[in-house]
Amino acid sequence: MSNLEQYAALKSMLHAMEKDLALTDLSSAEKAILSAVAPLQDALNEGEFVSSRSIKSHPLCADLPNPTFFRALAQLLKRQYLYLPEGRAKGLYRLK
């Protein structure tokens, strides 16, 4: 199997997983943020929140323009994929 065939197979598998998880309606920026938050959150102690600075510096999000990045964060909060610590309006996030 060539590299391109392997890529196509992985892309098809990813699409199927996104469909199963009801993530197909998310933008690519929203998917990148979710994919960045998960490992960053796993590296923290239980109950700690990931900073927006850490998310933005993750390789999956580093190339996102700031307006796109912050708009996607807001959408993920609105859709309840992410949540903030009680009493915070922005800056720290966890997966729901």
PDB file of N, CA and C in Angstrom:
ATOM      1  N   MET A   1       0.853  -1.181   0.000  1.00  0.00           N
ATOM      2  CA  MET A   1       0.000   0.000   0.000  1.00  0.00           C
ATOM      3  C   MET A   1       0.900   1.246   0.000  1.00  0.00           C
ATOM      4  N   SER A   2       0.631   2.157  -0.904  1.00  0.00           N
ATOM      5  CA  SER A   2       1.445   3.369  -0.998  1.00  0.00           C
ATOM      6  C   SER A   2       1.100   4.336   0.136  1.00  0.00           C
ATOM      7  N   ASN A   3       1.957   5.329   0.313  1.00  0.00           N
ATOM      8  CA  ASN A   3       1.705   6.348   1.333  1.00  0.00           C
ATOM      9  C   ASN A   3       0.378   7.055   1.093  1.00  0.00           C
ATOM     10  N   LEU A   4       0.077   7.363  -0.153  1.00  0.00           N
ATOM     11  CA  LEU A   4      -1.187   8.034  -0.464  1.00  0.00           C
ATOM     12  C   LEU A   4      -2.387   7.137  -0.172  1.00  0.00           C
ATOM     13  N   GLU A   5      -2.241   5.856  -0.430  1.00  0.00           N
ATOM     14  CA  GLU A   5      -3.323   4.912  -0.111  1.00  0.00           C
ATOM     15  C   GLU A   5      -3.503   4.799   1.401  1.00  0.00           C
ATOM     16  N   GLN A   6      -2.405   4.783   2.129  1.00  0.00           N
ATOM     17  CA  GLN A   6      -2.489   4.750   3.593  1.00  0.00           C
ATOM     18  C   GLN A   6      -3.155   6.013   4.115  1.00  0.00           C
ATOM     19  N   TYR A   7      -2.772   7.157   3.554  1.00  0.00           N
ATOM     20  CA  TYR A   7      -3.388   8.419   3.953  1.00  0.00           C
ATOM     21  C   TYR A   7      -4.897   8.384   3.686  1.00  0.00           C
ATOM     22  N   ALA A   8      -5.295   7.918   2.516  1.00  0.00           N
ATOM     23  CA  ALA A   8      -6.712   7.848   2.160  1.00  0.00           C
ATOM     24  C   ALA A   8      -7.475   6.928   3.125  1.00  0.00           C
ATOM     25  N   ALA A   9      -6.871   5.814   3.482  1.00  0.00           N
ATOM     26  CA  ALA A   9      -7.517   4.890   4.415  1.00  0.00           C
ATOM     27  C   ALA A   9      -7.677   5.529   5.794  1.00  0.00           C
ATOM     28  N   LEU A  10      -6.628   6.211   6.263  1.00  0.00           N
ATOM     29  CA  LEU A  10      -6.711   6.889   7.561  1.00  0.00           C
ATOM     30  C   LEU A  10      -7.754   8.001   7.539  1.00  0.00           C
ATOM     31  N   LYS A  11      -7.794   8.759   6.457  1.00  0.00           N
ATOM     32  CA  LYS A  11      -8.763   9.853   6.317  1.00  0.00           C
ATOM     33  C   LYS A  11     -10.194   9.306   6.326  1.00  0.00           C
ATOM     34  N   SER A  12     -10.421   8.192   5.663  1.00  0.00           N
ATOM     35  CA  SER A  12     -11.742   7.556   5.657  1.00  0.00           C
ATOM     36  C   SER A  12     -12.126   7.073   7.054  1.00  0.00           C
ATOM     37  N   MET A  13     -11.157   6.490   7.756  1.00  0.00           N
ATOM     38  CA  MET A  13     -11.409   6.016   9.114  1.00  0.00           C
ATOM     39  C   MET A  13     -11.727   7.188  10.044  1.00  0.00           C
ATOM     40  N   LEU A  14     -10.972   8.271   9.912  1.00  0.00           N
ATOM     41  CA  LEU A  14     -11.209   9.459  10.727  1.00  0.00           C
ATOM     42  C   LEU A  14     -12.601  10.024  10.465  1.00  0.00           C
ATOM     43  N   HIS A  15     -12.990  10.087   9.200  1.00  0.00           N
ATOM     44  CA  HIS A  15     -14.325  10.595   8.857  1.00  0.00           C
ATOM     45  C   HIS A  15     -15.411   9.717   9.487  1.00  0.00           C
ATOM     46  N   ALA A  16     -15.231   8.407   9.431  1.00  0.00           N
ATOM     47  CA  ALA A  16     -16.203   7.489  10.036  1.00  0.00           C
ATOM     48  C   ALA A  16     -16.287   7.696  11.555  1.00  0.00           C
ATOM     49  N   MET A  17     -15.145   7.903  12.196  1.00  0.00           N
ATOM     50  CA  MET A  17     -15.130   8.140  13.644  1.00  0.00           C
ATOM     51  C   MET A  17     -15.822   9.462  13.978  1.00  0.00           C
ATOM     52  N   GLU A  18     -15.548  10.503  13.184  1.00  0.00           N
ATOM     53  CA  GLU A  18     -16.196  11.796  13.411  1.00  0.00           C
ATOM     54  C   GLU A  18     -17.707  11.675  13.256  1.00  0.00           C
ATOM     55  N   LYS A  19     -18.136  10.884  12.292  1.00  0.00           N
ATOM     56  CA  LYS A  19     -19.569  10.657  12.093  1.00  0.00           C
ATOM     57  C   LYS A  19     -20.160   9.933  13.302  1.00  0.00           C
ATOM     58  N   ASP A  20     -19.486   8.894  13.775  1.00  0.00           N
ATOM     59  CA  ASP A  20     -19.951   8.136  14.947  1.00  0.00           C
ATOM     60  C   ASP A  20     -20.047   9.011  16.195  1.00  0.00           C
ATOM     61  N   LEU A  21     -19.130   9.969  16.333  1.00  0.00           N
ATOM     62  CA  LEU A  21     -19.093  10.844  17.504  1.00  0.00           C
ATOM     63  C   LEU A  21     -19.899  12.129  17.305  1.00  0.00           C
ATOM     64  N   ALA A  22     -20.596  12.237  16.173  1.00  0.00           N
ATOM     65  CA  ALA A  22     -21.407  13.415  15.840  1.00  0.00           C
ATOM     66  C   ALA A  22     -20.559  14.685  15.812  1.00  0.00           C
ATOM     67  N   LEU A  23     -19.383  14.586  15.209  1.00  0.00           N
ATOM     68  CA  LEU A  23     -18.481  15.733  15.096  1.00  0.00           C
ATOM     69  C   LEU A  23     -18.423  16.291  13.681  1.00  0.00           C
ATOM     70  N   THR A  24     -19.180  15.736  12.760  1.00  0.00           N
ATOM     71  CA  THR A  24     -19.073  16.145  11.360  1.00  0.00           C
ATOM     72  C   THR A  24     -19.542  17.573  11.122  1.00  0.00           C
ATOM     73  N   ASP A  25     -20.361  18.120  12.017  1.00  0.00           N
ATOM     74  CA  ASP A  25     -20.835  19.492  11.827  1.00  0.00           C
ATOM     75  C   ASP A  25     -19.868  20.532  12.392  1.00  0.00           C
ATOM     76  N   LEU A  26     -18.775  20.093  13.009  1.00  0.00           N
ATOM     77  CA  LEU A  26     -17.782  21.028  13.543  1.00  0.00           C
ATOM     78  C   LEU A  26     -16.853  21.504  12.430  1.00  0.00           C
ATOM     79  N   SER A  27     -16.373  22.723  12.578  1.00  0.00           N
ATOM     80  CA  SER A  27     -15.392  23.248  11.621  1.00  0.00           C
ATOM     81  C   SER A  27     -14.047  22.558  11.848  1.00  0.00           C
ATOM     82  N   SER A  28     -13.159  22.703  10.872  1.00  0.00           N
ATOM     83  CA  SER A  28     -11.822  22.110  11.027  1.00  0.00           C
ATOM     84  C   SER A  28     -11.090  22.745  12.211  1.00  0.00           C
ATOM     85  N   ALA A  29     -11.298  24.025  12.459  1.00  0.00           N
ATOM     86  CA  ALA A  29     -10.661  24.682  13.614  1.00  0.00           C
ATOM     87  C   ALA A  29     -11.208  24.108  14.924  1.00  0.00           C
ATOM     88  N   GLU A  30     -12.507  23.874  14.982  1.00  0.00           N
ATOM     89  CA  GLU A  30     -13.098  23.300  16.197  1.00  0.00           C
ATOM     90  C   GLU A  30     -12.567  21.892  16.445  1.00  0.00           C
ATOM     91  N   LYS A  31     -12.441  21.106  15.381  1.00  0.00           N
ATOM     92  CA  LYS A  31     -11.890  19.750  15.525  1.00  0.00           C
ATOM     93  C   LYS A  31     -10.431  19.807  15.968  1.00  0.00           C
ATOM     94  N   ALA A  32      -9.669  20.755  15.434  1.00  0.00           N
ATOM     95  CA  ALA A  32      -8.265  20.892  15.828  1.00  0.00           C
ATOM     96  C   ALA A  32      -8.153  21.235  17.303  1.00  0.00           C
ATOM     97  N   ILE A  33      -9.004  22.126  17.783  1.00  0.00           N
ATOM     98  CA  ILE A  33      -8.963  22.513  19.190  1.00  0.00           C
ATOM     99  C   ILE A  33      -9.312  21.327  20.081  1.00  0.00           C
ATOM    100  N   LEU A  34     -10.369  20.603  19.750  1.00  0.00           N
ATOM    101  CA  LEU A  34     -10.720  19.418  20.549  1.00  0.00           C
ATOM    102  C   LEU A  34      -9.581  18.410  20.564  1.00  0.00           C
ATOM    103  N   SER A  35      -8.949  18.232  19.407  1.00  0.00           N
ATOM    104  CA  SER A  35      -7.841  17.280  19.308  1.00  0.00           C
ATOM    105  C   SER A  35      -6.606  17.742  20.057  1.00  0.00           C
ATOM    106  N   ALA A  36      -6.470  19.034  20.269  1.00  0.00           N
ATOM    107  CA  ALA A  36      -5.352  19.568  21.038  1.00  0.00           C
ATOM    108  C   ALA A  36      -5.639  19.533  22.533  1.00  0.00           C
ATOM    109  N   VAL A  37      -6.871  19.837  22.911  1.00  0.00           N
ATOM    110  CA  VAL A  37      -7.217  19.898  24.339  1.00  0.00           C
ATOM    111  C   VAL A  37      -7.079  18.527  25.001  1.00  0.00           C
ATOM    112  N   ALA A  38      -7.488  17.476  24.305  1.00  0.00           N
ATOM    113  CA  ALA A  38      -7.480  16.138  24.916  1.00  0.00           C
ATOM    114  C   ALA A  38      -6.110  15.732  25.474  1.00  0.00           C
ATOM    115  N   PRO A  39      -5.029  15.760  24.690  1.00  0.00           N
ATOM    116  CA  PRO A  39      -3.734  15.364  25.260  1.00  0.00           C
ATOM    117  C   PRO A  39      -3.193  16.371  26.273  1.00  0.00           C
ATOM    118  N   LEU A  40      -3.485  17.659  26.055  1.00  0.00           N
ATOM    119  CA  LEU A  40      -3.036  18.664  27.019  1.00  0.00           C
ATOM    120  C   LEU A  40      -3.718  18.453  28.365  1.00  0.00           C
ATOM    121  N   GLN A  41      -4.989  18.142  28.337  1.00  0.00           N
ATOM    122  CA  GLN A  41      -5.749  17.889  29.562  1.00  0.00           C
ATOM    123  C   GLN A  41      -5.245  16.628  30.249  1.00  0.00           C
ATOM    124  N   ASP A  42      -4.933  15.602  29.473  1.00  0.00           N
ATOM    125  CA  ASP A  42      -4.425  14.347  30.051  1.00  0.00           C
ATOM    126  C   ASP A  42      -3.109  14.546  30.789  1.00  0.00           C
ATOM    127  N   ALA A  43      -2.317  15.532  30.369  1.00  0.00           N
ATOM    128  CA  ALA A  43      -1.022  15.787  31.004  1.00  0.00           C
ATOM    129  C   ALA A  43      -1.149  16.541  32.321  1.00  0.00           C
ATOM    130  N   LEU A  44      -2.352  17.040  32.622  1.00  0.00           N
ATOM    131  CA  LEU A  44      -2.573  17.815  33.848  1.00  0.00           C
ATOM    132  C   LEU A  44      -3.076  16.921  34.974  1.00  0.00           C
ATOM    133  N   ASN A  45      -3.066  17.470  36.172  1.00  0.00           N
ATOM    134  CA  ASN A  45      -3.668  16.778  37.300  1.00  0.00           C
ATOM    135  C   ASN A  45      -5.187  16.804  37.157  1.00  0.00           C
ATOM    136  N   GLU A  46      -5.848  15.883  37.798  1.00  0.00           N
ATOM    137  CA  GLU A  46      -7.308  15.797  37.771  1.00  0.00           C
ATOM    138  C   GLU A  46      -7.935  17.135  38.154  1.00  0.00           C
ATOM    139  N   GLY A  47      -8.855  17.598  37.332  1.00  0.00           N
ATOM    140  CA  GLY A  47      -9.577  18.827  37.642  1.00  0.00           C
ATOM    141  C   GLY A  47      -8.906  20.110  37.190  1.00  0.00           C
ATOM    142  N   GLU A  48      -7.659  20.039  36.715  1.00  0.00           N
ATOM    143  CA  GLU A  48      -7.003  21.247  36.211  1.00  0.00           C
ATOM    144  C   GLU A  48      -7.510  21.572  34.811  1.00  0.00           C
ATOM    145  N   PHE A  49      -7.392  22.838  34.443  1.00  0.00           N
ATOM    146  CA  PHE A  49      -7.879  23.322  33.163  1.00  0.00           C
ATOM    147  C   PHE A  49      -6.713  23.682  32.255  1.00  0.00           C
ATOM    148  N   VAL A  50      -6.947  23.558  30.946  1.00  0.00           N
ATOM    149  CA  VAL A  50      -5.939  23.862  29.930  1.00  0.00           C
ATOM    150  C   VAL A  50      -6.060  25.336  29.552  1.00  0.00           C
ATOM    151  N   SER A  51      -4.946  26.031  29.498  1.00  0.00           N
ATOM    152  CA  SER A  51      -4.974  27.448  29.139  1.00  0.00           C
ATOM    153  C   SER A  51      -5.143  27.611  27.627  1.00  0.00           C
ATOM    154  N   SER A  52      -5.769  28.702  27.247  1.00  0.00           N
ATOM    155  CA  SER A  52      -5.923  28.986  25.816  1.00  0.00           C
ATOM    156  C   SER A  52      -4.549  29.154  25.163  1.00  0.00           C
ATOM    157  N   ARG A  53      -3.582  29.668  25.897  1.00  0.00           N
ATOM    158  CA  ARG A  53      -2.220  29.815  25.369  1.00  0.00           C
ATOM    159  C   ARG A  53      -1.617  28.446  25.030  1.00  0.00           C
ATOM    160  N   SER A  54      -1.836  27.448  25.900  1.00  0.00           N
ATOM    161  CA  SER A  54      -1.334  26.093  25.628  1.00  0.00           C
ATOM    162  C   SER A  54      -2.019  25.487  24.417  1.00  0.00           C
ATOM    163  N   ILE A  55      -3.309  25.713  24.316  1.00  0.00           N
ATOM    164  CA  ILE A  55      -4.054  25.176  23.168  1.00  0.00           C
ATOM    165  C   ILE A  55      -3.547  25.811  21.883  1.00  0.00           C
ATOM    166  N   LYS A  56      -3.414  27.131  21.892  1.00  0.00           N
ATOM    167  CA  LYS A  56      -2.990  27.864  20.691  1.00  0.00           C
ATOM    168  C   LYS A  56      -1.580  27.466  20.256  1.00  0.00           C
ATOM    169  N   SER A  57      -0.726  27.099  21.187  1.00  0.00           N
ATOM    170  CA  SER A  57       0.643  26.730  20.834  1.00  0.00           C
ATOM    171  C   SER A  57       0.782  25.257  20.427  1.00  0.00           C
ATOM    172  N   HIS A  58      -0.274  24.472  20.588  1.00  0.00           N
ATOM    173  CA  HIS A  58      -0.248  23.067  20.172  1.00  0.00           C
ATOM    174  C   HIS A  58      -0.081  23.012  18.647  1.00  0.00           C
ATOM    175  N   PRO A  59       0.691  22.049  18.134  1.00  0.00           N
ATOM    176  CA  PRO A  59       0.921  21.977  16.681  1.00  0.00           C
ATOM    177  C   PRO A  59      -0.354  21.942  15.831  1.00  0.00           C
ATOM    178  N   LEU A  60      -1.439  21.388  16.343  1.00  0.00           N
ATOM    179  CA  LEU A  60      -2.682  21.338  15.570  1.00  0.00           C
ATOM    180  C   LEU A  60      -3.371  22.700  15.469  1.00  0.00           C
ATOM    181  N   CYS A  61      -3.021  23.617  16.359  1.00  0.00           N
ATOM    182  CA  CYS A  61      -3.691  24.926  16.405  1.00  0.00           C
ATOM    183  C   CYS A  61      -2.775  26.102  16.120  1.00  0.00           C
ATOM    184  N   ALA A  62      -1.488  25.874  16.101  1.00  0.00           N
ATOM    185  CA  ALA A  62      -0.520  26.976  16.004  1.00  0.00           C
ATOM    186  C   ALA A  62      -0.699  27.816  14.743  1.00  0.00           C
ATOM    187  N   ASP A  63      -1.161  27.222  13.663  1.00  0.00           N
ATOM    188  CA  ASP A  63      -1.308  27.960  12.409  1.00  0.00           C
ATOM    189  C   ASP A  63      -2.686  28.594  12.229  1.00  0.00           C
ATOM    190  N   LEU A  64      -3.573  28.388  13.197  1.00  0.00           N
ATOM    191  CA  LEU A  64      -4.901  29.001  13.091  1.00  0.00           C
ATOM    192  C   LEU A  64      -4.783  30.505  13.338  1.00  0.00           C
ATOM    193  N   PRO A  65      -5.393  31.317  12.499  1.00  0.00           N
ATOM    194  CA  PRO A  65      -5.401  32.758  12.781  1.00  0.00           C
ATOM    195  C   PRO A  65      -6.133  33.021  14.104  1.00  0.00           C
ATOM    196  N   ASN A  66      -5.690  34.015  14.841  1.00  0.00           N
ATOM    197  CA  ASN A  66      -6.300  34.292  16.145  1.00  0.00           C
ATOM    198  C   ASN A  66      -7.813  34.446  16.095  1.00  0.00           C
ATOM    199  N   PRO A  67      -8.370  35.208  15.159  1.00  0.00           N
ATOM    200  CA  PRO A  67      -9.831  35.322  15.139  1.00  0.00           C
ATOM    201  C   PRO A  67     -10.537  33.974  14.950  1.00  0.00           C
ATOM    202  N   THR A  68      -9.983  33.134  14.081  1.00  0.00           N
ATOM    203  CA  THR A  68     -10.553  31.799  13.852  1.00  0.00           C
ATOM    204  C   THR A  68     -10.458  30.959  15.108  1.00  0.00           C
ATOM    205  N   PHE A  69      -9.296  31.004  15.754  1.00  0.00           N
ATOM    206  CA  PHE A  69      -9.072  30.232  16.974  1.00  0.00           C
ATOM    207  C   PHE A  69     -10.073  30.621  18.059  1.00  0.00           C
ATOM    208  N   PHE A  70     -10.209  31.904  18.327  1.00  0.00           N
ATOM    209  CA  PHE A  70     -11.089  32.335  19.410  1.00  0.00           C
ATOM    210  C   PHE A  70     -12.563  32.169  19.055  1.00  0.00           C
ATOM    211  N   ARG A  71     -12.912  32.309  17.796  1.00  0.00           N
ATOM    212  CA  ARG A  71     -14.286  32.056  17.359  1.00  0.00           C
ATOM    213  C   ARG A  71     -14.622  30.566  17.552  1.00  0.00           C
ATOM    214  N   ALA A  72     -13.686  29.688  17.207  1.00  0.00           N
ATOM    215  CA  ALA A  72     -13.891  28.248  17.375  1.00  0.00           C
ATOM    216  C   ALA A  72     -14.009  27.883  18.857  1.00  0.00           C
ATOM    217  N   LEU A  73     -13.175  28.483  19.707  1.00  0.00           N
ATOM    218  CA  LEU A  73     -13.303  28.249  21.159  1.00  0.00           C
ATOM    219  C   LEU A  73     -14.688  28.648  21.646  1.00  0.00           C
ATOM    220  N   ALA A  74     -15.163  29.798  21.210  1.00  0.00           N
ATOM    221  CA  ALA A  74     -16.488  30.269  21.622  1.00  0.00           C
ATOM    222  C   ALA A  74     -17.576  29.307  21.161  1.00  0.00           C
ATOM    223  N   GLN A  75     -17.443  28.802  19.941  1.00  0.00           N
ATOM    224  CA  GLN A  75     -18.436  27.852  19.432  1.00  0.00           C
ATOM    225  C   GLN A  75     -18.421  26.548  20.225  1.00  0.00           C
ATOM    226  N   LEU A  76     -17.227  26.071  20.580  1.00  0.00           N
ATOM    227  CA  LEU A  76     -17.124  24.837  21.369  1.00  0.00           C
ATOM    228  C   LEU A  76     -17.727  25.011  22.760  1.00  0.00           C
ATOM    229  N   LEU A  77     -17.583  26.191  23.332  1.00  0.00           N
ATOM    230  CA  LEU A  77     -18.246  26.481  24.610  1.00  0.00           C
ATOM    231  C   LEU A  77     -19.755  26.502  24.434  1.00  0.00           C
ATOM    232  N   LYS A  78     -20.212  27.180  23.398  1.00  0.00           N
ATOM    233  CA  LYS A  78     -21.644  27.289  23.125  1.00  0.00           C
ATOM    234  C   LYS A  78     -22.272  25.920  22.888  1.00  0.00           C
ATOM    235  N   ARG A  79     -21.563  25.076  22.170  1.00  0.00           N
ATOM    236  CA  ARG A  79     -22.056  23.729  21.868  1.00  0.00           C
ATOM    237  C   ARG A  79     -21.805  22.741  23.009  1.00  0.00           C
ATOM    238  N   GLN A  80     -21.161  23.213  24.039  1.00  0.00           N
ATOM    239  CA  GLN A  80     -20.883  22.449  25.259  1.00  0.00           C
ATOM    240  C   GLN A  80     -19.940  21.262  25.054  1.00  0.00           C
ATOM    241  N   TYR A  81     -18.981  21.424  24.157  1.00  0.00           N
ATOM    242  CA  TYR A  81     -17.897  20.456  24.043  1.00  0.00           C
ATOM    243  C   TYR A  81     -16.801  20.774  25.055  1.00  0.00           C
ATOM    244  N   LEU A  82     -16.692  22.055  25.416  1.00  0.00           N
ATOM    245  CA  LEU A  82     -15.737  22.537  26.411  1.00  0.00           C
ATOM    246  C   LEU A  82     -16.488  23.280  27.501  1.00  0.00           C
ATOM    247  N   TYR A  83     -15.850  23.389  28.660  1.00  0.00           N
ATOM    248  CA  TYR A  83     -16.413  24.236  29.714  1.00  0.00           C
ATOM    249  C   TYR A  83     -15.288  24.964  30.435  1.00  0.00           C
ATOM    250  N   LEU A  84     -15.683  26.014  31.133  1.00  0.00           N
ATOM    251  CA  LEU A  84     -14.764  26.884  31.875  1.00  0.00           C
ATOM    252  C   LEU A  84     -14.861  26.583  33.364  1.00  0.00           C
ATOM    253  N   PRO A  85     -13.836  26.947  34.136  1.00  0.00           N
ATOM    254  CA  PRO A  85     -13.958  26.845  35.590  1.00  0.00           C
ATOM    255  C   PRO A  85     -15.062  27.798  36.062  1.00  0.00           C
ATOM    256  N   GLU A  86     -15.711  27.427  37.138  1.00  0.00           N
ATOM    257  CA  GLU A  86     -16.757  28.281  37.696  1.00  0.00           C
ATOM    258  C   GLU A  86     -16.187  29.659  38.011  1.00  0.00           C
ATOM    259  N   GLY A  87     -16.899  30.696  37.585  1.00  0.00           N
ATOM    260  CA  GLY A  87     -16.479  32.054  37.843  1.00  0.00           C
ATOM    261  C   GLY A  87     -15.534  32.643  36.810  1.00  0.00           C
ATOM    262  N   ARG A  88     -15.161  31.865  35.793  1.00  0.00           N
ATOM    263  CA  ARG A  88     -14.272  32.364  34.721  1.00  0.00           C
ATOM    264  C   ARG A  88     -15.076  32.596  33.453  1.00  0.00           C
ATOM    265  N   ALA A  89     -14.691  33.615  32.710  1.00  0.00           N
ATOM    266  CA  ALA A  89     -15.364  33.921  31.454  1.00  0.00           C
ATOM    267  C   ALA A  89     -14.568  33.426  30.247  1.00  0.00           C
ATOM    268  N   LYS A  90     -13.272  33.189  30.432  1.00  0.00           N
ATOM    269  CA  LYS A  90     -12.428  32.734  29.334  1.00  0.00           C
ATOM    270  C   LYS A  90     -11.053  32.337  29.872  1.00  0.00           C
ATOM    271  N   GLY A  91     -10.228  31.762  28.983  1.00  0.00           N
ATOM    272  CA  GLY A  91      -8.831  31.528  29.315  1.00  0.00           C
ATOM    273  C   GLY A  91      -8.456  30.130  29.752  1.00  0.00           C
ATOM    274  N   LEU A  92      -9.366  29.400  30.400  1.00  0.00           N
ATOM    275  CA  LEU A  92      -9.085  28.057  30.875  1.00  0.00           C
ATOM    276  C   LEU A  92     -10.220  27.124  30.452  1.00  0.00           C
ATOM    277  N   TYR A  93      -9.866  25.925  29.967  1.00  0.00           N
ATOM    278  CA  TYR A  93     -10.865  25.052  29.358  1.00  0.00           C
ATOM    279  C   TYR A  93     -10.635  23.586  29.719  1.00  0.00           C
ATOM    280  N   ARG A  94     -11.729  22.831  29.696  1.00  0.00           N
ATOM    281  CA  ARG A  94     -11.700  21.368  29.837  1.00  0.00           C
ATOM    282  C   ARG A  94     -12.736  20.781  28.890  1.00  0.00           C
ATOM    283  N   LEU A  95     -12.492  19.544  28.481  1.00  0.00           N
ATOM    284  CA  LEU A  95     -13.489  18.820  27.698  1.00  0.00           C
ATOM    285  C   LEU A  95     -14.652  18.437  28.588  1.00  0.00           C
ATOM    286  N   LYS A  96     -15.857  18.487  28.052  1.00  0.00           N
ATOM    287  CA  LYS A  96     -17.061  18.049  28.796  1.00  0.00           C
ATOM    288  C   LYS A  96     -17.074  16.560  28.875  1.00  0.00           C
TER     289      LYS A  96
END
